[in-house]
Amino acid sequence: MEIISVEEHEDGGATYTFDISQEEKDLLVPSGIQLALLCGITGLTYNAIVKICMDYIGEDTDGK
């Protein structure tokens, strides 16, 4: 995967253009859809889910 360009917008957002292989696309699209469904079903934001995952990884590596 390669980032081809990043276009920053006045509103603080950005548009990223990626070059990905078919294999990467086949892995990313279903995962993205599953993440969107998970957010919708649970009412959690993407950032909340990332925090939960990072907390889990931290607990796992600390032996808790």
C-alpha atoms as a PDB file:
ATOM      1  CA  MET A   1       0.000   0.000   0.000  1.00  0.00           C
ATOM      2  CA  GLU A   2       1.290   3.431  -0.888  1.00  0.00           C
ATOM      3  CA  ILE A   3      -0.087   6.881  -0.121  1.00  0.00           C
ATOM      4  CA  ILE A   4      -0.118   8.723  -3.442  1.00  0.00           C
ATOM      5  CA  SER A   5      -1.308  12.118  -2.250  1.00  0.00           C
ATOM      6  CA  VAL A   6      -2.777  14.005   0.686  1.00  0.00           C
ATOM      7  CA  GLU A   7      -4.952  17.055   0.020  1.00  0.00           C
ATOM      8  CA  GLU A   8      -5.678  19.132   3.124  1.00  0.00           C
ATOM      9  CA  HIS A   9      -8.898  21.157   3.197  1.00  0.00           C
ATOM     10  CA  GLU A  10      -9.673  24.488   4.838  1.00  0.00           C
ATOM     11  CA  ASP A  11     -12.203  22.845   7.167  1.00  0.00           C
ATOM     12  CA  GLY A  12      -9.439  20.688   8.706  1.00  0.00           C
ATOM     13  CA  GLY A  13     -10.344  17.552   6.760  1.00  0.00           C
ATOM     14  CA  ALA A  14      -8.158  15.832   4.222  1.00  0.00           C
ATOM     15  CA  THR A  15      -8.466  13.618   1.164  1.00  0.00           C
ATOM     16  CA  TYR A  16      -6.023  10.726   0.907  1.00  0.00           C
ATOM     17  CA  THR A  17      -5.322   8.838  -2.321  1.00  0.00           C
ATOM     18  CA  PHE A  18      -3.901   5.319  -1.967  1.00  0.00           C
ATOM     19  CA  ASP A  19      -2.460   2.818  -4.405  1.00  0.00           C
ATOM     20  CA  ILE A  20      -3.418  -0.654  -3.189  1.00  0.00           C
ATOM     21  CA  SER A  21      -3.200  -4.104  -4.696  1.00  0.00           C
ATOM     22  CA  GLN A  22      -6.275  -6.211  -5.360  1.00  0.00           C
ATOM     23  CA  GLU A  23      -5.300  -8.452  -2.431  1.00  0.00           C
ATOM     24  CA  GLU A  24      -5.124  -5.445  -0.082  1.00  0.00           C
ATOM     25  CA  LYS A  25      -8.483  -4.219  -1.362  1.00  0.00           C
ATOM     26  CA  ASP A  26     -10.023  -7.647  -0.820  1.00  0.00           C
ATOM     27  CA  LEU A  27      -8.859  -7.539   2.823  1.00  0.00           C
ATOM     28  CA  LEU A  28      -9.643  -3.879   3.589  1.00  0.00           C
ATOM     29  CA  VAL A  29     -13.152  -3.516   2.159  1.00  0.00           C
ATOM     30  CA  PRO A  30     -14.804  -6.292   4.216  1.00  0.00           C
ATOM     31  CA  SER A  31     -12.981  -5.105   7.352  1.00  0.00           C
ATOM     32  CA  GLY A  32     -14.171  -1.537   6.784  1.00  0.00           C
ATOM     33  CA  ILE A  33     -17.746  -2.672   6.310  1.00  0.00           C
ATOM     34  CA  GLN A  34     -17.561  -4.808   9.453  1.00  0.00           C
ATOM     35  CA  LEU A  35     -16.155  -1.863  11.427  1.00  0.00           C
ATOM     36  CA  ALA A  36     -18.932   0.420  10.167  1.00  0.00           C
ATOM     37  CA  LEU A  37     -21.548  -2.159  11.171  1.00  0.00           C
ATOM     38  CA  LEU A  38     -19.922  -2.591  14.583  1.00  0.00           C
ATOM     39  CA  CYS A  39     -20.045   1.169  15.160  1.00  0.00           C
ATOM     40  CA  GLY A  40     -23.683   1.297  14.073  1.00  0.00           C
ATOM     41  CA  ILE A  41     -24.775  -1.676  16.156  1.00  0.00           C
ATOM     42  CA  THR A  42     -22.965  -0.626  19.337  1.00  0.00           C
ATOM     43  CA  GLY A  43     -23.338   3.137  18.979  1.00  0.00           C
ATOM     44  CA  LEU A  44     -19.604   3.479  19.623  1.00  0.00           C
ATOM     45  CA  THR A  45     -17.441   5.824  17.612  1.00  0.00           C
ATOM     46  CA  TYR A  46     -14.427   4.645  15.653  1.00  0.00           C
ATOM     47  CA  ASN A  47     -12.147   6.335  18.220  1.00  0.00           C
ATOM     48  CA  ALA A  48     -13.892   4.536  21.090  1.00  0.00           C
ATOM     49  CA  ILE A  49     -13.390   1.178  19.396  1.00  0.00           C
ATOM     50  CA  VAL A  50      -9.710   1.941  18.752  1.00  0.00           C
ATOM     51  CA  LYS A  51      -9.291   2.860  22.449  1.00  0.00           C
ATOM     52  CA  ILE A  52     -10.939  -0.401  23.520  1.00  0.00           C
ATOM     53  CA  CYS A  53      -8.589  -2.335  21.220  1.00  0.00           C
ATOM     54  CA  MET A  54      -5.512  -0.472  22.443  1.00  0.00           C
ATOM     55  CA  ASP A  55      -6.529  -0.996  26.068  1.00  0.00           C
ATOM     56  CA  TYR A  56      -6.973  -4.712  25.353  1.00  0.00           C
ATOM     57  CA  ILE A  57      -3.561  -4.948  23.732  1.00  0.00           C
ATOM     58  CA  GLY A  58      -2.007  -3.096  26.687  1.00  0.00           C
ATOM     59  CA  GLU A  59      -3.661  -5.427  29.177  1.00  0.00           C
ATOM     60  CA  ASP A  60      -2.614  -8.471  27.168  1.00  0.00           C
ATOM     61  CA  THR A  61       1.040  -7.422  26.957  1.00  0.00           C
ATOM     62  CA  ASP A  62       1.142  -6.524  30.667  1.00  0.00           C
ATOM     63  CA  GLY A  63      -0.056 -10.002  31.601  1.00  0.00           C
ATOM     64  CA  LYS A  64      -3.293  -8.797  33.193  1.00  0.00           C
END
